[in-house]
Each structure stands twice: as structure tokens, then as C-alpha cells.
N, C-alpha and C. Protein backbone atom coordinates (compact mmCIF):
# COMPACT_ATOMS: atom_id res chain seq x y z
N GLN A 1 16.35 78.96 -43.79
CA GLN A 1 16.91 80.23 -44.32
C GLN A 1 17.94 80.44 -45.69
N ARG A 2 17.02 80.65 -47.31
CA ARG A 2 17.69 80.44 -48.29
C ARG A 2 18.96 81.40 -48.45
N ASP A 3 20.02 81.55 -49.08
CA ASP A 3 20.19 82.84 -49.99
C ASP A 3 19.32 82.93 -50.86
N THR A 4 19.29 84.57 -50.97
CA THR A 4 18.39 84.85 -52.19
C THR A 4 18.57 85.14 -53.15
N GLY A 5 20.33 85.81 -53.03
CA GLY A 5 21.22 86.26 -53.67
C GLY A 5 21.00 87.42 -54.43
N GLY A 6 20.70 88.51 -53.76
CA GLY A 6 20.67 89.98 -54.20
C GLY A 6 18.94 90.10 -54.79
N LEU A 7 18.24 88.80 -54.71
CA LEU A 7 16.95 89.38 -55.63
C LEU A 7 15.82 89.92 -54.75
N THR A 8 14.70 90.88 -55.73
CA THR A 8 13.89 91.74 -55.59
C THR A 8 12.97 90.55 -54.89
N ASP A 9 12.18 91.49 -53.85
CA ASP A 9 10.81 90.69 -53.68
C ASP A 9 9.99 90.02 -54.62
N SER A 10 10.05 91.29 -55.67
CA SER A 10 8.61 90.28 -57.50
C SER A 10 9.94 88.83 -57.25
N HIS A 11 11.70 88.97 -57.42
CA HIS A 11 11.48 88.24 -57.67
C HIS A 11 11.70 86.09 -56.62
N ARG A 12 11.62 86.51 -56.14
CA ARG A 12 11.52 86.07 -54.72
C ARG A 12 9.83 85.10 -55.00
N ALA A 13 9.35 86.12 -55.12
CA ALA A 13 7.90 85.74 -54.92
C ALA A 13 7.64 85.36 -56.52
N ALA A 14 8.39 85.50 -57.78
CA ALA A 14 8.34 84.40 -58.63
C ALA A 14 8.82 82.97 -58.28
N ARG A 15 10.05 83.71 -57.81
CA ARG A 15 10.40 81.96 -57.90
C ARG A 15 10.08 81.10 -57.09
N ASP A 16 9.31 81.55 -56.68
CA ASP A 16 8.78 80.39 -54.97
C ASP A 16 7.72 80.12 -55.39
N TYR A 17 6.44 80.53 -56.47
CA TYR A 17 5.16 80.22 -57.50
C TYR A 17 5.75 79.60 -57.75
N TYR A 18 6.52 79.54 -59.01
CA TYR A 18 7.10 78.56 -59.82
C TYR A 18 8.08 77.13 -59.16
N ILE A 19 8.81 77.36 -57.92
CA ILE A 19 8.73 75.94 -57.00
C ILE A 19 7.78 75.63 -56.83
N ILE A 20 6.48 76.38 -56.37
CA ILE A 20 5.53 75.96 -55.51
C ILE A 20 4.33 75.09 -56.20
N ARG A 21 4.35 75.11 -57.60
CA ARG A 21 4.17 74.99 -58.92
C ARG A 21 4.00 73.62 -59.15
N ALA A 22 5.50 73.58 -59.15
CA ALA A 22 5.96 72.79 -60.08
C ALA A 22 6.73 71.51 -59.47
N SER A 23 6.33 71.72 -57.18
CA SER A 23 6.79 70.62 -56.35
C SER A 23 5.37 69.64 -56.46
N TYR A 24 5.90 68.61 -56.14
CA TYR A 24 4.83 67.58 -55.33
C TYR A 24 3.64 68.07 -54.30
N GLY A 25 1.99 68.13 -54.61
CA GLY A 25 1.85 68.72 -52.93
C GLY A 25 1.84 70.32 -52.56
N ALA A 26 2.72 71.22 -53.70
CA ALA A 26 3.22 72.42 -53.17
C ALA A 26 3.71 72.47 -51.38
N VAL A 27 3.94 71.86 -51.13
CA VAL A 27 4.92 71.51 -50.12
C VAL A 27 6.80 72.34 -50.63
N ARG A 28 7.37 72.25 -51.14
CA ARG A 28 8.52 72.99 -51.92
C ARG A 28 9.74 72.01 -51.69
N ARG A 29 9.47 70.40 -51.21
CA ARG A 29 10.86 69.70 -50.95
C ARG A 29 10.02 68.45 -51.72
N THR A 30 9.52 68.41 -52.24
CA THR A 30 9.77 67.10 -53.24
C THR A 30 9.46 67.51 -54.38
N PHE A 31 9.39 66.46 -55.46
CA PHE A 31 9.15 66.67 -57.36
C PHE A 31 8.88 65.78 -58.08
N GLY A 32 8.50 65.37 -58.82
CA GLY A 32 7.99 64.32 -59.67
C GLY A 32 6.54 64.27 -59.54
N GLY A 33 6.46 62.60 -59.74
CA GLY A 33 5.17 62.52 -60.58
C GLY A 33 4.70 62.47 -61.63
N ASN A 34 3.78 63.46 -61.56
CA ASN A 34 2.98 63.67 -63.33
C ASN A 34 3.91 65.16 -63.93
N LYS A 35 4.26 65.28 -65.01
CA LYS A 35 4.47 65.84 -66.16
C LYS A 35 3.99 67.07 -65.45
N LYS A 36 3.98 68.20 -65.50
CA LYS A 36 2.86 69.89 -65.40
C LYS A 36 3.99 70.57 -66.18
N PRO A 37 2.73 71.05 -67.12
CA PRO A 37 3.76 72.67 -68.15
C PRO A 37 3.28 73.84 -67.30
N ILE A 38 4.50 73.38 -67.02
CA ILE A 38 4.48 75.26 -65.95
C ILE A 38 4.90 76.24 -67.19
N HIS A 39 4.43 76.12 -68.13
CA HIS A 39 4.54 77.15 -68.46
C HIS A 39 3.24 78.53 -68.66
N SER A 40 2.28 76.94 -68.26
CA SER A 40 1.07 77.52 -68.22
C SER A 40 0.80 78.40 -66.86
N SER A 41 1.67 77.90 -65.48
CA SER A 41 2.06 78.68 -64.47
C SER A 41 2.35 80.21 -65.11
N ILE A 42 3.17 79.67 -65.53
CA ILE A 42 4.38 81.29 -65.77
C ILE A 42 3.45 82.28 -66.38
N ASP A 43 2.86 81.74 -67.34
CA ASP A 43 1.53 82.92 -68.19
C ASP A 43 0.79 83.50 -67.15
N ARG A 44 0.01 82.42 -65.58
CA ARG A 44 -1.22 83.44 -65.72
C ARG A 44 -0.57 84.29 -64.14
N ILE A 45 1.05 84.13 -64.00
CA ILE A 45 1.52 85.45 -63.33
C ILE A 45 1.17 86.85 -63.78
N PRO A 46 0.57 87.67 -64.89
CA PRO A 46 -0.51 88.99 -64.64
C PRO A 46 -1.86 88.91 -64.01
N GLN A 47 -2.35 87.73 -64.74
CA GLN A 47 -3.86 87.45 -63.94
C GLN A 47 -3.71 87.31 -62.77
N ILE A 48 -2.32 86.32 -62.16
CA ILE A 48 -2.37 86.82 -60.13
C ILE A 48 -2.10 88.17 -59.65
N GLN A 49 -1.12 88.66 -61.00
CA GLN A 49 -1.13 90.12 -60.07
C GLN A 49 -1.84 90.99 -60.06
N GLU A 50 -2.65 90.94 -61.02
CA GLU A 50 -4.12 91.88 -61.03
C GLU A 50 -4.52 91.20 -59.99
N ARG A 51 -4.95 90.22 -59.45
CA ARG A 51 -6.05 89.85 -58.34
C ARG A 51 -5.83 90.25 -56.80
N LEU A 52 -4.25 89.85 -57.41
CA LEU A 52 -3.61 90.56 -55.92
C LEU A 52 -3.00 91.69 -55.95
N LYS A 53 -3.85 93.09 -56.56
CA LYS A 53 -3.02 94.06 -56.83
C LYS A 53 -3.57 94.79 -55.18
N ASP A 54 -4.64 94.67 -54.60
CA ASP A 54 -5.10 95.89 -53.34
C ASP A 54 -4.78 94.43 -52.08
N VAL A 55 -4.05 93.43 -51.88
CA VAL A 55 -3.82 92.28 -51.15
C VAL A 55 -3.22 92.38 -49.70
N VAL A 56 -3.47 92.52 -48.83
CA VAL A 56 -1.81 93.15 -48.27
C VAL A 56 -2.05 91.23 -47.36
N ILE A 57 -0.45 91.31 -47.58
CA ILE A 57 -0.58 89.74 -46.38
C ILE A 57 0.73 90.06 -45.95
N GLU A 58 0.44 89.48 -44.63
CA GLU A 58 1.50 89.75 -43.61
C GLU A 58 1.88 88.30 -43.32
N ASN A 59 3.07 88.70 -43.23
CA ASN A 59 3.95 87.21 -42.39
C ASN A 59 3.97 87.37 -40.83
N LYS A 60 3.27 87.33 -39.96
CA LYS A 60 2.92 87.02 -38.85
C LYS A 60 2.34 86.21 -37.91
N ASP A 61 2.86 86.01 -36.33
CA ASP A 61 1.87 84.80 -35.92
C ASP A 61 0.81 85.42 -36.33
N PHE A 62 -0.53 84.94 -35.77
CA PHE A 62 -1.66 84.63 -35.74
C PHE A 62 -1.97 85.54 -34.93
N GLU A 63 -2.00 85.35 -33.70
CA GLU A 63 -2.19 86.76 -32.92
C GLU A 63 -2.05 87.68 -32.83
N ALA A 64 -0.71 88.10 -33.41
CA ALA A 64 -0.53 89.47 -33.65
C ALA A 64 -1.56 89.95 -34.48
N LEU A 65 -1.89 89.50 -35.38
CA LEU A 65 -3.08 89.44 -36.50
C LEU A 65 -4.36 89.54 -36.50
N ILE A 66 -5.11 88.97 -35.38
CA ILE A 66 -6.32 88.89 -35.09
C ILE A 66 -6.18 90.19 -33.67
N LYS A 67 -5.32 90.55 -33.13
CA LYS A 67 -5.36 91.73 -32.64
C LYS A 67 -5.60 92.91 -33.30
N ILE A 68 -4.91 93.16 -34.67
CA ILE A 68 -5.06 94.02 -35.50
C ILE A 68 -6.46 94.27 -35.92
N TYR A 69 -6.63 92.78 -36.88
CA TYR A 69 -7.32 93.11 -37.12
C TYR A 69 -9.23 92.73 -36.81
N ASP A 70 -9.61 91.94 -35.76
CA ASP A 70 -10.74 91.62 -34.80
C ASP A 70 -11.40 93.06 -34.30
N ARG A 71 -12.60 92.84 -34.80
CA ARG A 71 -13.20 94.26 -34.66
C ARG A 71 -14.90 93.70 -35.02
N PRO A 72 -16.01 94.16 -34.65
CA PRO A 72 -17.28 93.57 -34.31
C PRO A 72 -17.40 93.61 -36.34
N ASP A 73 -17.75 94.19 -37.28
CA ASP A 73 -17.32 94.13 -38.60
C ASP A 73 -16.84 93.23 -39.20
N ALA A 74 -16.19 92.49 -39.17
CA ALA A 74 -14.88 92.12 -39.68
C ALA A 74 -14.85 90.34 -39.27
N LEU A 75 -15.13 89.51 -40.75
CA LEU A 75 -15.00 88.08 -41.09
C LEU A 75 -13.43 88.01 -41.02
N LEU A 76 -13.17 87.04 -40.51
CA LEU A 76 -11.37 87.05 -40.96
C LEU A 76 -11.89 85.30 -41.57
N TYR A 77 -11.25 84.68 -41.80
CA TYR A 77 -10.89 83.73 -42.42
C TYR A 77 -9.76 82.80 -41.92
N MET A 78 -9.62 82.12 -41.76
CA MET A 78 -8.00 81.15 -41.12
C MET A 78 -8.19 79.83 -41.59
N ASP A 79 -7.42 79.14 -42.24
CA ASP A 79 -6.74 78.01 -42.65
C ASP A 79 -5.31 77.22 -42.16
N PRO A 80 -6.00 77.46 -40.75
CA PRO A 80 -4.30 76.94 -39.86
C PRO A 80 -3.82 75.57 -40.49
N PRO A 81 -2.72 75.12 -40.37
CA PRO A 81 -1.93 73.69 -40.74
C PRO A 81 -3.22 72.36 -40.36
N TYR A 82 -3.28 71.37 -40.29
CA TYR A 82 -4.38 70.92 -39.99
C TYR A 82 -3.59 69.85 -38.92
N TYR A 83 -4.71 69.52 -38.05
CA TYR A 83 -3.94 68.96 -36.85
C TYR A 83 -3.51 67.08 -36.90
N GLN A 84 -2.61 67.31 -36.52
CA GLN A 84 -1.53 66.04 -36.08
C GLN A 84 -0.70 66.24 -37.88
N ALA A 85 -0.97 66.85 -38.19
CA ALA A 85 -0.11 67.14 -39.80
C ALA A 85 0.99 68.61 -39.54
N GLU A 86 1.23 68.81 -37.80
CA GLU A 86 2.26 70.08 -37.92
C GLU A 86 3.73 69.78 -38.86
N ARG A 87 4.26 68.43 -38.66
CA ARG A 87 5.35 68.51 -39.51
C ARG A 87 5.81 68.23 -40.90
N HIS A 88 4.42 68.90 -41.21
CA HIS A 88 4.67 69.56 -43.15
C HIS A 88 4.78 71.09 -42.81
N TYR A 89 4.82 72.02 -41.45
CA TYR A 89 4.54 72.82 -41.57
C TYR A 89 5.65 73.58 -40.77
N ASP A 90 6.49 74.75 -41.35
CA ASP A 90 7.42 75.41 -40.83
C ASP A 90 6.67 76.29 -39.38
N GLY A 91 6.66 76.22 -38.21
CA GLY A 91 6.27 76.99 -37.60
C GLY A 91 5.53 77.06 -36.98
N PHE A 92 4.76 76.09 -37.02
CA PHE A 92 3.59 75.59 -36.35
C PHE A 92 3.03 74.76 -35.45
N THR A 93 3.12 74.40 -34.32
CA THR A 93 3.39 73.57 -33.75
C THR A 93 1.47 72.84 -32.74
N THR A 94 1.67 71.85 -31.93
CA THR A 94 0.40 71.62 -31.71
C THR A 94 -0.30 72.46 -30.99
N ASN A 95 0.59 73.03 -29.90
CA ASN A 95 0.29 73.76 -29.51
C ASN A 95 -0.84 74.40 -29.68
N ASP A 96 -0.49 75.87 -31.01
CA ASP A 96 -0.79 76.20 -31.09
C ASP A 96 -2.39 75.98 -32.09
N HIS A 97 -2.70 75.01 -32.06
CA HIS A 97 -3.74 74.37 -31.85
C HIS A 97 -5.21 75.14 -30.97
N ASP A 98 -4.15 74.90 -29.47
CA ASP A 98 -4.55 75.29 -28.26
C ASP A 98 -4.48 77.18 -28.45
N ARG A 99 -3.72 77.39 -29.06
CA ARG A 99 -3.61 78.67 -28.83
C ARG A 99 -4.58 79.42 -29.53
N LEU A 100 -5.01 78.79 -30.96
CA LEU A 100 -5.65 79.34 -31.89
C LEU A 100 -7.14 79.69 -31.77
N PHE A 101 -7.53 78.40 -30.99
CA PHE A 101 -8.63 78.16 -30.35
C PHE A 101 -9.04 78.77 -29.28
N SER A 102 -7.86 79.22 -28.08
CA SER A 102 -8.05 80.37 -27.29
C SER A 102 -8.48 81.63 -28.04
N CYS A 103 -7.75 82.03 -29.05
CA CYS A 103 -8.16 83.18 -29.60
C CYS A 103 -9.30 83.66 -30.17
N VAL A 104 -9.34 81.84 -31.23
CA VAL A 104 -10.92 82.35 -31.67
C VAL A 104 -12.34 82.69 -30.95
N GLN A 105 -11.93 81.85 -29.54
CA GLN A 105 -13.20 81.68 -28.72
C GLN A 105 -13.61 83.52 -28.48
N LYS A 106 -12.69 83.79 -28.15
CA LYS A 106 -12.05 85.78 -27.69
C LYS A 106 -12.97 86.96 -28.74
N LEU A 107 -13.12 86.64 -30.32
CA LEU A 107 -13.38 87.27 -31.40
C LEU A 107 -14.29 88.11 -30.84
N LYS A 108 -14.56 89.50 -31.46
CA LYS A 108 -15.07 90.36 -31.63
C LYS A 108 -16.09 90.22 -32.85
N GLY A 109 -15.37 89.51 -34.29
CA GLY A 109 -15.87 89.48 -35.25
C GLY A 109 -16.06 87.85 -35.70
N SER A 110 -16.29 87.88 -36.46
CA SER A 110 -16.99 86.43 -37.48
C SER A 110 -15.46 85.83 -37.78
N VAL A 111 -16.07 84.45 -37.84
CA VAL A 111 -15.05 84.18 -38.30
C VAL A 111 -15.34 82.19 -38.62
N ILE A 112 -14.03 82.01 -40.02
CA ILE A 112 -14.77 81.12 -40.41
C ILE A 112 -13.52 80.08 -40.72
N LEU A 113 -13.09 78.77 -40.12
CA LEU A 113 -11.94 78.31 -40.35
C LEU A 113 -11.85 77.03 -41.11
N SER A 114 -11.25 76.69 -41.36
CA SER A 114 -11.17 75.48 -42.40
C SER A 114 -9.69 74.32 -41.71
N TYR A 115 -11.12 73.29 -41.28
CA TYR A 115 -9.61 72.34 -40.82
C TYR A 115 -9.90 70.93 -41.47
N ASN A 116 -8.97 70.26 -40.82
CA ASN A 116 -9.01 68.74 -41.07
C ASN A 116 -10.25 67.80 -40.64
N ASP A 117 -10.92 66.73 -40.92
CA ASP A 117 -11.92 66.42 -39.47
C ASP A 117 -11.06 65.29 -38.83
N HIS A 118 -11.02 65.60 -37.92
CA HIS A 118 -10.66 64.97 -36.87
C HIS A 118 -11.29 65.51 -35.50
N PRO A 119 -11.70 64.42 -34.52
CA PRO A 119 -12.26 63.95 -33.32
C PRO A 119 -11.64 65.13 -32.35
N ASP A 120 -10.55 65.44 -32.01
CA ASP A 120 -9.69 66.55 -31.36
C ASP A 120 -10.07 67.47 -31.96
N ILE A 121 -10.73 68.39 -33.22
CA ILE A 121 -10.76 69.48 -33.20
C ILE A 121 -12.45 69.37 -33.15
N ARG A 122 -12.29 67.88 -33.64
CA ARG A 122 -14.52 68.58 -33.45
C ARG A 122 -15.40 69.14 -32.07
N ARG A 123 -14.28 68.46 -30.93
CA ARG A 123 -14.00 68.68 -29.80
C ARG A 123 -13.99 69.54 -29.19
N MET A 124 -12.95 70.15 -29.81
CA MET A 124 -12.64 71.98 -29.40
C MET A 124 -13.14 72.73 -29.68
N TYR A 125 -14.44 72.21 -31.07
CA TYR A 125 -15.13 73.49 -31.64
C TYR A 125 -16.30 72.85 -30.79
N ASP A 126 -17.21 72.16 -30.88
CA ASP A 126 -18.15 71.74 -30.58
C ASP A 126 -19.03 72.89 -30.19
N ARG A 127 -19.12 73.47 -29.78
CA ARG A 127 -20.04 74.79 -29.94
C ARG A 127 -20.35 75.22 -30.86
N PHE A 128 -19.60 75.50 -31.85
CA PHE A 128 -19.51 76.41 -33.14
C PHE A 128 -19.87 75.70 -34.38
N SER A 129 -20.64 76.49 -34.97
CA SER A 129 -21.35 75.86 -36.48
C SER A 129 -20.24 74.84 -36.87
N ILE A 130 -20.65 73.71 -37.11
CA ILE A 130 -19.18 73.10 -38.27
C ILE A 130 -20.34 72.05 -39.07
N THR A 131 -19.64 72.73 -40.80
CA THR A 131 -20.11 71.70 -42.12
C THR A 131 -19.18 71.10 -41.98
N GLU A 132 -19.33 69.67 -42.16
CA GLU A 132 -18.67 68.46 -43.43
C GLU A 132 -18.81 69.56 -44.50
N LEU A 133 -17.42 68.65 -45.45
CA LEU A 133 -17.27 68.38 -46.64
C LEU A 133 -16.19 67.55 -46.93
N GLU A 134 -16.70 66.94 -48.41
CA GLU A 134 -15.42 66.23 -48.66
C GLU A 134 -15.07 66.09 -49.79
N ARG A 135 -13.60 66.34 -50.13
CA ARG A 135 -13.84 66.94 -51.55
C ARG A 135 -12.00 65.94 -52.09
N PRO A 136 -11.70 65.86 -53.33
CA PRO A 136 -10.83 64.99 -53.70
C PRO A 136 -9.81 64.78 -53.26
N ASN A 137 -8.91 64.05 -52.23
CA ASN A 137 -7.85 64.42 -52.10
C ASN A 137 -6.40 63.63 -53.64
N PRO A 138 -5.60 64.84 -53.95
CA PRO A 138 -5.36 64.61 -55.25
C PRO A 138 -3.42 63.87 -54.57
N LEU A 139 -3.51 64.22 -53.19
CA LEU A 139 -1.74 63.94 -53.11
C LEU A 139 -2.40 62.53 -52.87
N ALA A 140 -3.46 61.49 -52.42
CA ALA A 140 -3.70 59.73 -52.28
C ALA A 140 -2.94 59.31 -53.18
N ARG A 141 -2.58 57.92 -52.97
CA ARG A 141 -2.26 57.10 -53.85
C ARG A 141 -3.42 56.47 -54.75
N LYS A 142 -4.46 56.29 -53.94
CA LYS A 142 -5.64 55.47 -54.23
C LYS A 142 -6.40 56.26 -54.79
N ARG A 143 -6.75 55.85 -56.11
CA ARG A 143 -7.80 57.19 -57.18
C ARG A 143 -9.00 56.82 -56.06
N ASN A 144 -9.81 58.26 -56.63
CA ASN A 144 -10.94 58.58 -56.34
C ASN A 144 -10.94 58.43 -54.65
N SER A 145 -9.91 59.09 -54.06
CA SER A 145 -9.55 58.98 -52.66
C SER A 145 -10.48 60.39 -52.01
N ILE A 146 -10.97 59.89 -51.33
CA ILE A 146 -12.02 61.26 -50.64
C ILE A 146 -11.30 62.27 -49.30
N TYR A 147 -10.95 63.33 -49.26
CA TYR A 147 -10.55 64.17 -48.06
C TYR A 147 -11.45 64.75 -47.27
N ARG A 148 -12.08 64.20 -46.04
CA ARG A 148 -13.42 65.37 -44.85
C ARG A 148 -12.88 66.14 -44.84
N GLU A 149 -13.64 67.37 -44.64
CA GLU A 149 -12.92 68.48 -43.99
C GLU A 149 -13.76 69.75 -42.95
N LEU A 150 -13.78 70.42 -42.28
CA LEU A 150 -14.52 71.16 -41.41
C LEU A 150 -14.16 72.39 -41.96
N ILE A 151 -15.86 72.99 -42.42
CA ILE A 151 -15.87 74.37 -42.32
C ILE A 151 -16.46 74.85 -40.76
N ILE A 152 -15.80 75.78 -40.06
CA ILE A 152 -16.11 75.94 -38.58
C ILE A 152 -16.24 77.67 -38.39
N LYS A 153 -17.94 77.46 -38.17
CA LYS A 153 -18.05 79.46 -38.19
C LYS A 153 -18.69 79.60 -36.46
N ASN A 154 -18.79 81.29 -36.31
CA ASN A 154 -18.98 81.45 -35.05
C ASN A 154 -20.06 82.12 -35.41
N PHE A 155 -20.84 81.93 -36.26
CA PHE A 155 -21.64 82.78 -36.45
C PHE A 155 -22.81 81.82 -37.35
């Protein structure tokens, strides 16, 4: 837990946004690599504020959120930590992938999940609609590196 030094929620959000934009790979723990014109990120804060004015952000366990928001006409988008990359995320374990799968199987509404392309995830969600995507991997050391992702839907 970081000492927030009496900052307001808005000040903490702005500080975190700055740290994420300045850190390597947005992990907030490492810095360096390329020069980043941080002023352009700060200049975008009013646009971001406008975009997010009606957005509700909740910091709860996914299972609790699913119980609140799942209904037949709901569309839930979930972007869980990538499988076997849990060490890069706080508070998400390997067992949480199984727990998430169990919740997703019981949904009343529709779901879209984005996951890394891993054989265990493909097996787990084999009864769902799976679309493969390739995107540039900006964190790779090799130029033009491609990262494979899966878009998983229950509809």
C-alpha cells in the first residue's frame, strides 16, 4: 500500500495515469527505454475526463461484479490477466482462471473475453466461439514481433 500523502481521488488518479504512461509496458514498476513526450499524455487528461464522465469503475472481485451486473440483456467484456503471466498482476492467481471460467459458464447474459493464446485456455473455452487475433507486441525485444490473442464469446 502506497502512502497517498493526503491526495484526493482525482490527484491520485492523475498521478497513477502519469506513472503508467511513463513506465515501460505500463507496469508501473520499471522505467526507461524510449523517450516519451509525457506532456502529450497530460494534455489528454481533459479528453479522458470527458470520455469517462459516465463510466463507473469498481474495484471488486470479478465474481462479485458478475453477480451485480449479469442479466439476460447484459454484455460483459472481460480482460483477465494473461494465463501463466499472473506474476505481473496483483491479486490474480492461476486458480482465478478456473474460477472465472466457472462464472462465465453460468452467465445469463453475453460475454466477450480477451485472453492470450494458450492451449489450456483453448481447451477450457472449447465450447465457446473463439476468434484468433494477431497484433504487434510493443514489449518484445525483436522488431515486428507478433502477439497472438483470443477473443472468446458465448454467443
